[in-house]
Amino acid sequence: MSAHLSRREALRAGAILLGASMTATFIGCSANGAGPPAAAQVGTSALDELAARLRGTLLRPGDAEYEARSASANGRYLGTRPIAVAQVADEGDVATCVEWSVQNGVQPVARGGGHSYAGFSTTTGLLIDISVLDSVQINDSDGTVVLGGAASNRAMLAASADGPFFLPGGTCLAVCYGGLALGGGIGFNTHWAGLASDRMTATRMVTAGGNVLDASNSQHEDVFWACRGGAGGNFGINTAFTFALAEVPRHPITHFDINWSGADAAGAMLNAFNILSATAPAAFNADAYAQATEIGSGGPEAAIQVNTHGQYIGPADELRDLLAPVIAAAGQPDSQNITEMGFWDAQRIFATDEQPSHSWGDISRYASEPIPESAVGELVDLLVACPSRSDDANGSIWSLGWVGGDVVNAFGRTETAYVHRGMSTLLRPTTVWPNDAPASVGNDLNQWTDAVIAAIAPHTPDESYQNFPNRALTNWEQQYYAENFDRLVDVKTSYDPNDVFRNEQSIPVRR
């Protein structure tokens, strides 16, 4: 077994960055992902040619850094390896890699941080490692930032910390803004500062033809629209972004972390939290979860860890008033910490480092209103019956309360490619297990996830977050993009008519 890893650690490191078919069963594949596709057939001479054309480095199987550079963050996809990893030196190398891939019939896949939940930053073709494109250039005079395509949460936090401006994003320090913003970009500041994609004002992209274009509301407007929520791996390789920054709150904010235990507290807290999230002011930014833990003398009902955690852009007494119904419903907490502090101090608390390699399953469902108390009761019953309850193999149910509100809803559903406006929470059953666990462990946890989604789905819109992709969704077109899907197909057909950039859930070309 791998090192111990709690589900709370795994999710907060993942990217905090969710109908016809509502299940997530991995039919025909093991818990550790589908069998890898056949490797591309390319001769040594062709790879030698690419290596000679690059200013960067081409890693091949057997090279010292190949294993580390080609591995997926999600252990389910460790079996999928590229014919080579191109560690680019600059944007020109990215264009060279795309041109070479097209000429040699090889699938090009870009990777910044490698955190695609569904392994879409893995390939048996050419993996284009753009991690060198990590620059951060903040312009205090106009409140903007230009980020390289692989600039991470860590880089942005380091560059902006203690300054007057902030870019909303995730909490896992290793996750890159490219993947985050292309799919929307939610996190602990979304409720008051908006989505990362809504703050995007321009992007620079290498196209399927190996050309470089700049897209904004004044040029290549159609692909710019698509890049604000249409997800990565679809239209090209984004090498840079410009964002409008938010002003950091000048007054202290309040950070909070409150814990309970037991099934009764889980149901009461989740129900009260969902009600609060539907009406909370923009200043309230929080999540809540309940996790099945190792069974002790109190039985499975007692072995449920319960938590709500977040920040309030304002004083502690106002936050306590907001949280009072949650605490009254869930009962006396096992522990609570409600502390006023500076904005940047809170962001450092939210930031999490990369966790040891592990496998996980994830799926999400937006809610436009609190789900019924009876449905929450079903979820708690499923937690009690969770098939794995150890430190490193378990299931949890999350409610992310920062995904809606007036700031997010200031944009219409078709104004950008991010369609999920008018939502109050994002509900997430999540699972984690060691990479070396028997296949039955992951399969059982995936079936548990199916049951959780089946309980949630009748009470929610048929929409899920495209940055938490799940390969088993058969109606992903509706769930990720809804009424924006047809326009995304038009953009794809215009900019990548030969479907060079593709994966199992990429936007298709119109035939």
Foldseek 3Di string as FASTA:
>chain_A
DDDFAFVVQVVLQQCLCKPPDQAFFPPPDFLLARQADDADDDDPVLVVVLQVPAPFHKAAPPDPCQLVVQAALALSPRNFGARIETAHPDLLNQLSVLQSCVVRVFFEAEDQLRNQQARLQHHSGYYYYDVNQADWDADPVQQKIKGFLNHFLLNQLVVCFPHFWDQAAHFNRSHGVNQQQQQWGHHQQCLQFNTNLVFWAKWWFQFSNSDIDIEGCVPPPLVSLNSRRVGPLFGGRTGMTMGRTDTFQPFWKKWKKFKAFFLQLQLQLLLLVQQLLLDPHSQWFKKKKKWFADADPVALRRRIIIMMTGMGSDDQVVVCVSCVSSCVRNDDTPDMDIDIDGPSVVSVVSHHYRDPRWHKAKWKFFALGRFDSVLSSVVSVLNSVWPDHYSFWIKMKMKGQRCAHDRHQVDALSNGQARDYNTGIMIMIMIIHGSPDPSVSSSSNSVSRRSNSVSCVVRHPLAIRPSNDRLSDPVNLCHSGNPCLVSSLVSSCVGPVPPSRDDSDYRHHDD
